[in-house]
Amino acid sequence: MAHHLAQINIGRILGPIDGPVMAEFVANLDRINAMADTAPGFVWRLQSEQGNATSIKVYEDDMLLINMSLWESIEALHKYVYYTAHVEYVRRRREWFEKLTIPYTTLWWVPAGHIPTPQEAKERLEWLHENGATPYAFTFKERFTVEEMLRYEMLEPLGG
């Protein structure tokens, strides 16, 4: 069975989404999202009717934004994040987002055709925070293959 790489990243914004602190970030969302949509290996991203996810609330904190996407491979996502114009916004993250003391991004494998829900993604991020990187929820720095995930699920059903 084929699998895709799911990712979630969250960030607590430094000001209202329609305020001056976030203006440059918001002004570039359509361009950066369009770049993702056409990137090699891109499968899907969470978005509202406006074409982004800034209005989708998963947490009680209205200042906490969520971003989710699916990719054909870790390499495809890594190339998009760190080797396109997107990296400029990664480097400038502190201009728009608070420094979080908990993990703010996680990766996991899903069967091809499965679209993870924001709640599922939130649970994976919480798992990473509570358990560290495992085949159930991991990071770019501590990666796991689909095969490792399948073996892990046999040993630890439903991630633990």
N, C-alpha and C. Protein backbone atom coordinates (compact mmCIF):
# COMPACT_ATOMS: atom_id res chain seq x y z
N MET A 1 0.85 -1.18 0.00
CA MET A 1 0.00 0.00 0.00
C MET A 1 0.89 1.24 0.00
N ALA A 2 0.55 2.19 -0.83
CA ALA A 2 1.30 3.44 -0.90
C ALA A 2 0.92 4.34 0.27
N HIS A 3 1.86 5.17 0.67
CA HIS A 3 1.64 6.11 1.77
C HIS A 3 2.07 7.51 1.37
N HIS A 4 1.49 8.48 2.06
CA HIS A 4 1.89 9.87 1.91
C HIS A 4 2.36 10.38 3.26
N LEU A 5 3.18 11.40 3.22
CA LEU A 5 3.66 12.04 4.43
C LEU A 5 2.72 13.18 4.81
N ALA A 6 2.20 13.12 6.02
CA ALA A 6 1.36 14.20 6.55
C ALA A 6 2.23 15.09 7.43
N GLN A 7 1.88 16.37 7.46
CA GLN A 7 2.59 17.29 8.35
C GLN A 7 1.61 18.28 8.94
N ILE A 8 1.89 18.66 10.17
CA ILE A 8 1.20 19.77 10.82
C ILE A 8 2.27 20.68 11.39
N ASN A 9 2.02 21.97 11.29
CA ASN A 9 2.82 22.92 12.06
C ASN A 9 1.87 23.98 12.57
N ILE A 10 2.16 24.42 13.77
CA ILE A 10 1.33 25.43 14.42
C ILE A 10 2.20 26.62 14.79
N GLY A 11 1.56 27.73 15.00
CA GLY A 11 2.27 28.92 15.45
C GLY A 11 1.32 29.87 16.13
N ARG A 12 1.79 30.47 17.21
CA ARG A 12 1.00 31.47 17.92
C ARG A 12 1.42 32.84 17.41
N ILE A 13 0.50 33.51 16.72
CA ILE A 13 0.82 34.79 16.08
C ILE A 13 1.00 35.90 17.11
N LEU A 14 1.82 36.88 16.74
CA LEU A 14 2.16 37.97 17.64
C LEU A 14 1.13 39.10 17.66
N GLY A 15 0.17 39.02 16.77
CA GLY A 15 -0.88 40.03 16.72
C GLY A 15 -2.06 39.49 15.92
N PRO A 16 -3.18 40.20 15.92
CA PRO A 16 -4.35 39.75 15.15
C PRO A 16 -3.98 39.50 13.68
N ILE A 17 -4.60 38.50 13.09
CA ILE A 17 -4.29 38.11 11.72
C ILE A 17 -4.53 39.26 10.74
N ASP A 18 -5.46 40.15 11.06
CA ASP A 18 -5.73 41.29 10.18
C ASP A 18 -5.06 42.58 10.65
N GLY A 19 -4.10 42.44 11.57
CA GLY A 19 -3.41 43.61 12.11
C GLY A 19 -2.08 43.87 11.43
N PRO A 20 -1.43 44.96 11.81
CA PRO A 20 -0.18 45.37 11.16
C PRO A 20 0.99 44.40 11.37
N VAL A 21 1.05 43.74 12.50
CA VAL A 21 2.15 42.80 12.75
C VAL A 21 2.13 41.67 11.73
N MET A 22 0.96 41.21 11.36
CA MET A 22 0.82 40.05 10.47
C MET A 22 0.64 40.43 9.01
N ALA A 23 0.61 41.72 8.68
CA ALA A 23 0.27 42.18 7.33
C ALA A 23 1.17 41.60 6.25
N GLU A 24 2.47 41.63 6.43
CA GLU A 24 3.37 41.10 5.40
C GLU A 24 3.21 39.59 5.25
N PHE A 25 3.08 38.89 6.35
CA PHE A 25 2.86 37.44 6.31
C PHE A 25 1.60 37.11 5.52
N VAL A 26 0.49 37.76 5.87
CA VAL A 26 -0.79 37.52 5.21
C VAL A 26 -0.71 37.89 3.73
N ALA A 27 -0.03 38.98 3.41
CA ALA A 27 0.09 39.44 2.02
C ALA A 27 0.80 38.42 1.14
N ASN A 28 1.61 37.56 1.73
CA ASN A 28 2.37 36.58 0.96
C ASN A 28 1.81 35.17 1.02
N LEU A 29 0.74 34.95 1.77
CA LEU A 29 0.18 33.61 1.90
C LEU A 29 -0.24 33.00 0.56
N ASP A 30 -0.94 33.75 -0.25
CA ASP A 30 -1.41 33.20 -1.53
C ASP A 30 -0.23 32.76 -2.40
N ARG A 31 0.82 33.57 -2.44
CA ARG A 31 1.99 33.24 -3.26
C ARG A 31 2.69 31.98 -2.73
N ILE A 32 2.89 31.90 -1.44
CA ILE A 32 3.59 30.75 -0.86
C ILE A 32 2.73 29.49 -0.98
N ASN A 33 1.42 29.62 -0.76
CA ASN A 33 0.53 28.47 -0.92
C ASN A 33 0.47 28.00 -2.37
N ALA A 34 0.46 28.92 -3.31
CA ALA A 34 0.45 28.55 -4.73
C ALA A 34 1.74 27.81 -5.09
N MET A 35 2.84 28.24 -4.49
CA MET A 35 4.11 27.56 -4.72
C MET A 35 4.04 26.12 -4.19
N ALA A 36 3.43 25.94 -3.03
CA ALA A 36 3.27 24.59 -2.49
C ALA A 36 2.39 23.75 -3.41
N ASP A 37 1.28 24.34 -3.85
CA ASP A 37 0.31 23.60 -4.68
C ASP A 37 0.93 23.04 -5.95
N THR A 38 1.97 23.69 -6.45
CA THR A 38 2.59 23.25 -7.69
C THR A 38 3.97 22.59 -7.47
N ALA A 39 4.36 22.42 -6.21
CA ALA A 39 5.66 21.83 -5.91
C ALA A 39 5.66 20.34 -6.23
N PRO A 40 6.78 19.81 -6.73
CA PRO A 40 6.87 18.37 -6.96
C PRO A 40 6.60 17.60 -5.66
N GLY A 41 5.74 16.61 -5.73
CA GLY A 41 5.44 15.77 -4.58
C GLY A 41 4.31 16.27 -3.70
N PHE A 42 3.76 17.46 -3.99
CA PHE A 42 2.64 17.98 -3.20
C PHE A 42 1.39 17.17 -3.50
N VAL A 43 0.59 16.88 -2.45
CA VAL A 43 -0.65 16.12 -2.60
C VAL A 43 -1.87 16.94 -2.20
N TRP A 44 -1.82 17.60 -1.04
CA TRP A 44 -3.00 18.27 -0.48
C TRP A 44 -2.57 19.22 0.62
N ARG A 45 -3.38 20.26 0.88
CA ARG A 45 -3.17 21.11 2.05
C ARG A 45 -4.52 21.54 2.61
N LEU A 46 -4.54 21.74 3.92
CA LEU A 46 -5.73 22.22 4.61
C LEU A 46 -5.98 23.67 4.21
N GLN A 47 -7.22 23.96 3.84
CA GLN A 47 -7.56 25.34 3.48
C GLN A 47 -9.06 25.58 3.59
N SER A 48 -9.39 26.82 3.83
CA SER A 48 -10.79 27.25 3.86
C SER A 48 -11.17 27.72 2.46
N GLU A 49 -12.36 28.27 2.33
CA GLU A 49 -12.79 28.82 1.04
C GLU A 49 -11.91 29.97 0.59
N GLN A 50 -11.21 30.60 1.53
CA GLN A 50 -10.32 31.72 1.20
C GLN A 50 -8.98 31.22 0.64
N GLY A 51 -8.74 29.91 0.67
CA GLY A 51 -7.51 29.37 0.09
C GLY A 51 -6.36 29.22 1.07
N ASN A 52 -6.60 29.51 2.35
CA ASN A 52 -5.56 29.28 3.35
C ASN A 52 -6.24 28.73 4.61
N ALA A 53 -5.46 28.50 5.65
CA ALA A 53 -6.02 27.89 6.86
C ALA A 53 -6.08 28.85 8.05
N THR A 54 -5.89 30.15 7.80
CA THR A 54 -5.82 31.08 8.93
C THR A 54 -7.13 31.20 9.71
N SER A 55 -8.25 30.85 9.10
CA SER A 55 -9.54 30.94 9.80
C SER A 55 -9.97 29.61 10.41
N ILE A 56 -9.20 28.55 10.19
CA ILE A 56 -9.54 27.23 10.72
C ILE A 56 -8.99 27.12 12.14
N LYS A 57 -9.88 26.94 13.08
CA LYS A 57 -9.50 26.88 14.49
C LYS A 57 -9.58 25.44 15.01
N VAL A 58 -8.48 24.99 15.55
CA VAL A 58 -8.38 23.65 16.12
C VAL A 58 -8.13 23.75 17.62
N TYR A 59 -7.55 24.85 18.02
CA TYR A 59 -7.23 25.09 19.42
C TYR A 59 -8.15 26.19 19.95
N GLU A 60 -8.34 26.23 21.27
CA GLU A 60 -9.17 27.26 21.88
C GLU A 60 -8.54 28.64 21.73
N ASP A 61 -7.24 28.71 21.64
CA ASP A 61 -6.50 29.96 21.49
C ASP A 61 -6.66 30.47 20.06
N ASP A 62 -7.36 31.58 19.87
CA ASP A 62 -7.59 32.13 18.54
C ASP A 62 -6.32 32.62 17.86
N MET A 63 -5.26 32.80 18.63
CA MET A 63 -3.99 33.29 18.07
C MET A 63 -3.12 32.13 17.57
N LEU A 64 -3.56 30.91 17.73
CA LEU A 64 -2.79 29.74 17.31
C LEU A 64 -3.26 29.29 15.93
N LEU A 65 -2.38 29.41 14.95
CA LEU A 65 -2.69 29.01 13.57
C LEU A 65 -2.20 27.60 13.32
N ILE A 66 -2.87 26.93 12.40
CA ILE A 66 -2.52 25.57 12.02
C ILE A 66 -2.25 25.52 10.52
N ASN A 67 -1.29 24.71 10.14
CA ASN A 67 -0.99 24.45 8.73
C ASN A 67 -0.85 22.94 8.61
N MET A 68 -1.51 22.35 7.64
CA MET A 68 -1.41 20.91 7.40
C MET A 68 -1.26 20.66 5.91
N SER A 69 -0.50 19.61 5.58
CA SER A 69 -0.38 19.24 4.17
C SER A 69 0.02 17.78 4.06
N LEU A 70 -0.12 17.25 2.85
CA LEU A 70 0.30 15.89 2.50
C LEU A 70 1.29 15.95 1.35
N TRP A 71 2.29 15.08 1.41
CA TRP A 71 3.36 15.04 0.41
C TRP A 71 3.66 13.60 0.04
N GLU A 72 4.20 13.40 -1.14
CA GLU A 72 4.55 12.06 -1.59
C GLU A 72 5.72 11.48 -0.82
N SER A 73 6.57 12.35 -0.26
CA SER A 73 7.77 11.87 0.44
C SER A 73 8.30 12.95 1.38
N ILE A 74 9.14 12.51 2.31
CA ILE A 74 9.82 13.47 3.19
C ILE A 74 10.70 14.39 2.35
N GLU A 75 11.36 13.83 1.38
CA GLU A 75 12.27 14.62 0.54
C GLU A 75 11.53 15.73 -0.20
N ALA A 76 10.32 15.43 -0.70
CA ALA A 76 9.55 16.46 -1.42
C ALA A 76 9.17 17.61 -0.48
N LEU A 77 8.71 17.28 0.72
CA LEU A 77 8.36 18.32 1.68
C LEU A 77 9.60 19.10 2.10
N HIS A 78 10.68 18.42 2.38
CA HIS A 78 11.92 19.07 2.80
C HIS A 78 12.41 20.04 1.73
N LYS A 79 12.35 19.61 0.47
CA LYS A 79 12.79 20.48 -0.62
C LYS A 79 11.92 21.73 -0.71
N TYR A 80 10.61 21.58 -0.57
CA TYR A 80 9.72 22.74 -0.61
C TYR A 80 10.00 23.69 0.56
N VAL A 81 10.10 23.14 1.76
CA VAL A 81 10.27 23.98 2.96
C VAL A 81 11.59 24.73 2.95
N TYR A 82 12.68 24.04 2.58
CA TYR A 82 14.01 24.62 2.76
C TYR A 82 14.74 25.02 1.49
N TYR A 83 14.19 24.71 0.31
CA TYR A 83 14.90 25.03 -0.93
C TYR A 83 14.04 25.77 -1.95
N THR A 84 13.03 26.48 -1.45
CA THR A 84 12.22 27.37 -2.29
C THR A 84 12.11 28.71 -1.55
N ALA A 85 11.38 29.64 -2.09
CA ALA A 85 11.17 30.93 -1.43
C ALA A 85 10.50 30.77 -0.07
N HIS A 86 9.88 29.63 0.18
CA HIS A 86 9.26 29.38 1.48
C HIS A 86 10.26 29.52 2.62
N VAL A 87 11.51 29.17 2.39
CA VAL A 87 12.52 29.20 3.47
C VAL A 87 12.68 30.60 4.05
N GLU A 88 12.45 31.64 3.24
CA GLU A 88 12.55 33.01 3.75
C GLU A 88 11.58 33.22 4.91
N TYR A 89 10.39 32.63 4.81
CA TYR A 89 9.38 32.78 5.85
C TYR A 89 9.70 31.89 7.06
N VAL A 90 10.35 30.79 6.84
CA VAL A 90 10.83 29.96 7.95
C VAL A 90 11.88 30.75 8.74
N ARG A 91 12.81 31.36 8.03
CA ARG A 91 13.87 32.15 8.69
C ARG A 91 13.31 33.36 9.44
N ARG A 92 12.23 33.92 8.94
CA ARG A 92 11.66 35.13 9.53
C ARG A 92 10.50 34.83 10.49
N ARG A 93 10.31 33.58 10.84
CA ARG A 93 9.19 33.12 11.67
C ARG A 93 9.00 33.98 12.91
N ARG A 94 10.08 34.37 13.57
CA ARG A 94 9.99 35.13 14.83
C ARG A 94 9.40 36.53 14.65
N GLU A 95 9.32 37.01 13.41
CA GLU A 95 8.69 38.32 13.17
C GLU A 95 7.17 38.24 13.33
N TRP A 96 6.62 37.04 13.17
CA TRP A 96 5.17 36.85 13.17
C TRP A 96 4.67 35.90 14.25
N PHE A 97 5.56 35.01 14.72
CA PHE A 97 5.13 33.96 15.64
C PHE A 97 5.97 33.93 16.91
N GLU A 98 5.31 33.62 18.01
CA GLU A 98 6.01 33.45 19.27
C GLU A 98 6.91 32.22 19.21
N LYS A 99 7.96 32.23 20.02
CA LYS A 99 8.80 31.05 20.15
C LYS A 99 8.08 30.10 21.11
N LEU A 100 7.69 28.95 20.61
CA LEU A 100 6.97 27.98 21.42
C LEU A 100 7.95 27.10 22.20
N THR A 101 7.53 26.68 23.35
CA THR A 101 8.36 25.81 24.18
C THR A 101 7.99 24.34 24.01
N ILE A 102 7.04 24.07 23.16
CA ILE A 102 6.62 22.71 22.84
C ILE A 102 6.84 22.48 21.34
N PRO A 103 6.86 21.23 20.91
CA PRO A 103 7.00 21.00 19.46
C PRO A 103 5.88 21.70 18.69
N TYR A 104 6.25 22.30 17.57
CA TYR A 104 5.25 23.00 16.77
C TYR A 104 5.07 22.36 15.39
N THR A 105 5.80 21.31 15.12
CA THR A 105 5.62 20.60 13.85
C THR A 105 5.84 19.11 14.06
N THR A 106 5.11 18.32 13.33
CA THR A 106 5.33 16.88 13.34
C THR A 106 4.95 16.30 11.99
N LEU A 107 5.51 15.14 11.73
CA LEU A 107 5.30 14.40 10.48
C LEU A 107 4.80 13.00 10.84
N TRP A 108 4.04 12.41 9.94
CA TRP A 108 3.61 11.01 10.10
C TRP A 108 3.13 10.50 8.76
N TRP A 109 3.13 9.18 8.64
CA TRP A 109 2.71 8.53 7.40
C TRP A 109 1.23 8.17 7.46
N VAL A 110 0.54 8.36 6.32
CA VAL A 110 -0.86 7.97 6.20
C VAL A 110 -1.02 7.17 4.91
N PRO A 111 -1.99 6.26 4.85
CA PRO A 111 -2.24 5.56 3.60
C PRO A 111 -2.63 6.56 2.50
N ALA A 112 -2.14 6.34 1.30
CA ALA A 112 -2.51 7.21 0.18
C ALA A 112 -4.04 7.25 0.07
N GLY A 113 -4.58 8.43 -0.11
CA GLY A 113 -6.02 8.62 -0.20
C GLY A 113 -6.65 9.07 1.11
N HIS A 114 -5.93 8.90 2.21
CA HIS A 114 -6.45 9.35 3.51
C HIS A 114 -6.08 10.82 3.71
N ILE A 115 -7.08 11.63 4.04
CA ILE A 115 -6.86 13.03 4.36
C ILE A 115 -7.01 13.16 5.88
N PRO A 116 -5.93 13.46 6.58
CA PRO A 116 -6.03 13.56 8.03
C PRO A 116 -6.85 14.77 8.45
N THR A 117 -7.55 14.62 9.55
CA THR A 117 -8.33 15.73 10.10
C THR A 117 -7.42 16.61 10.96
N PRO A 118 -7.82 17.85 11.16
CA PRO A 118 -7.04 18.69 12.09
C PRO A 118 -6.94 18.07 13.48
N GLN A 119 -7.97 17.40 13.93
CA GLN A 119 -7.92 16.76 15.25
C GLN A 119 -6.88 15.63 15.27
N GLU A 120 -6.84 14.85 14.21
CA GLU A 120 -5.83 13.79 14.09
C GLU A 120 -4.43 14.40 14.13
N ALA A 121 -4.24 15.49 13.42
CA ALA A 121 -2.94 16.15 13.39
C ALA A 121 -2.57 16.69 14.76
N LYS A 122 -3.53 17.29 15.45
CA LYS A 122 -3.31 17.81 16.80
C LYS A 122 -2.88 16.67 17.72
N GLU A 123 -3.50 15.51 17.60
CA GLU A 123 -3.15 14.36 18.44
C GLU A 123 -1.72 13.88 18.14
N ARG A 124 -1.31 13.91 16.88
CA ARG A 124 0.06 13.52 16.54
C ARG A 124 1.07 14.49 17.15
N LEU A 125 0.76 15.77 17.09
CA LEU A 125 1.64 16.78 17.66
C LEU A 125 1.74 16.60 19.18
N GLU A 126 0.63 16.33 19.83
CA GLU A 126 0.63 16.08 21.27
C GLU A 126 1.42 14.81 21.60
N TRP A 127 1.29 13.78 20.76
CA TRP A 127 2.05 12.55 20.95
C TRP A 127 3.55 12.85 20.91
N LEU A 128 3.98 13.61 19.93
CA LEU A 128 5.39 13.97 19.82
C LEU A 128 5.86 14.69 21.09
N HIS A 129 5.07 15.62 21.57
CA HIS A 129 5.42 16.37 22.78
C HIS A 129 5.55 15.44 23.99
N GLU A 130 4.65 14.49 24.12
CA GLU A 130 4.63 13.61 25.29
C GLU A 130 5.61 12.45 25.20
N ASN A 131 5.93 11.98 23.99
CA ASN A 131 6.70 10.74 23.83
C ASN A 131 8.00 10.90 23.07
N GLY A 132 8.23 12.05 22.48
CA GLY A 132 9.39 12.21 21.61
C GLY A 132 9.11 11.57 20.26
N ALA A 133 10.10 11.66 19.38
CA ALA A 133 9.94 11.14 18.02
C ALA A 133 9.86 9.62 18.03
N THR A 134 8.85 9.12 17.36
CA THR A 134 8.63 7.69 17.15
C THR A 134 8.10 7.54 15.72
N PRO A 135 7.96 6.33 15.22
CA PRO A 135 7.35 6.18 13.90
C PRO A 135 5.91 6.70 13.83
N TYR A 136 5.27 6.93 14.97
CA TYR A 136 3.90 7.45 15.02
C TYR A 136 3.85 8.95 14.78
N ALA A 137 4.87 9.67 15.23
CA ALA A 137 4.95 11.13 15.07
C ALA A 137 6.42 11.50 15.18
N PHE A 138 6.95 12.15 14.14
CA PHE A 138 8.39 12.40 14.10
C PHE A 138 8.68 13.76 13.49
N THR A 139 9.97 14.04 13.31
CA THR A 139 10.41 15.34 12.81
C THR A 139 11.37 15.15 11.64
N PHE A 140 11.75 16.26 11.01
CA PHE A 140 12.77 16.19 9.96
C PHE A 140 14.08 15.65 10.52
N LYS A 141 14.40 16.02 11.76
CA LYS A 141 15.67 15.60 12.36
C LYS A 141 15.67 14.15 12.81
N GLU A 142 14.51 13.64 13.19
CA GLU A 142 14.37 12.25 13.63
C GLU A 142 13.30 11.59 12.77
N ARG A 143 13.72 11.12 11.62
CA ARG A 143 12.80 10.58 10.61
C ARG A 143 12.59 9.08 10.76
N PHE A 144 11.43 8.64 10.29
CA PHE A 144 11.12 7.22 10.25
C PHE A 144 10.51 6.90 8.89
N THR A 145 10.78 5.70 8.42
CA THR A 145 10.25 5.25 7.13
C THR A 145 8.85 4.67 7.30
N VAL A 146 8.18 4.47 6.19
CA VAL A 146 6.87 3.80 6.21
C VAL A 146 7.03 2.41 6.82
N GLU A 147 8.09 1.70 6.45
CA GLU A 147 8.31 0.35 6.97
C GLU A 147 8.46 0.36 8.49
N GLU A 148 9.18 1.35 9.01
CA GLU A 148 9.33 1.46 10.46
C GLU A 148 7.99 1.77 11.12
N MET A 149 7.18 2.59 10.48
CA MET A 149 5.86 2.90 11.01
C MET A 149 4.98 1.65 11.03
N LEU A 150 5.02 0.86 9.97
CA LEU A 150 4.20 -0.35 9.93
C LEU A 150 4.62 -1.34 11.00
N ARG A 151 5.93 -1.52 11.20
CA ARG A 151 6.42 -2.42 12.27
C ARG A 151 6.01 -1.89 13.64
N TYR A 152 6.10 -0.59 13.83
CA TYR A 152 5.75 0.05 15.10
C TYR A 152 4.28 -0.15 15.40
N GLU A 153 3.43 0.03 14.41
CA GLU A 153 2.00 -0.13 14.63
C GLU A 153 1.63 -1.56 14.99
N MET A 154 2.41 -2.53 14.50
CA MET A 154 2.19 -3.92 14.89
C MET A 154 2.52 -4.14 16.38
N LEU A 155 3.54 -3.43 16.85
CA LEU A 155 3.97 -3.55 18.24
C LEU A 155 3.16 -2.68 19.17
N GLU A 156 2.82 -1.48 18.72
CA GLU A 156 2.11 -0.48 19.53
C GLU A 156 0.87 -0.02 18.77
N PRO A 157 -0.23 -0.79 18.79
CA PRO A 157 -1.41 -0.38 18.04
C PRO A 157 -1.85 1.04 18.37
N LEU A 158 -2.21 1.78 17.35
CA LEU A 158 -2.70 3.16 17.45
C LEU A 158 -1.71 4.08 18.14
N GLY A 159 -0.43 3.83 17.89
CA GLY A 159 0.59 4.74 18.39
C GLY A 159 0.89 4.58 19.86
N GLY A 160 0.45 3.57 20.51
CA GLY A 160 0.86 3.40 21.89
C GLY A 160 -0.24 2.92 22.73
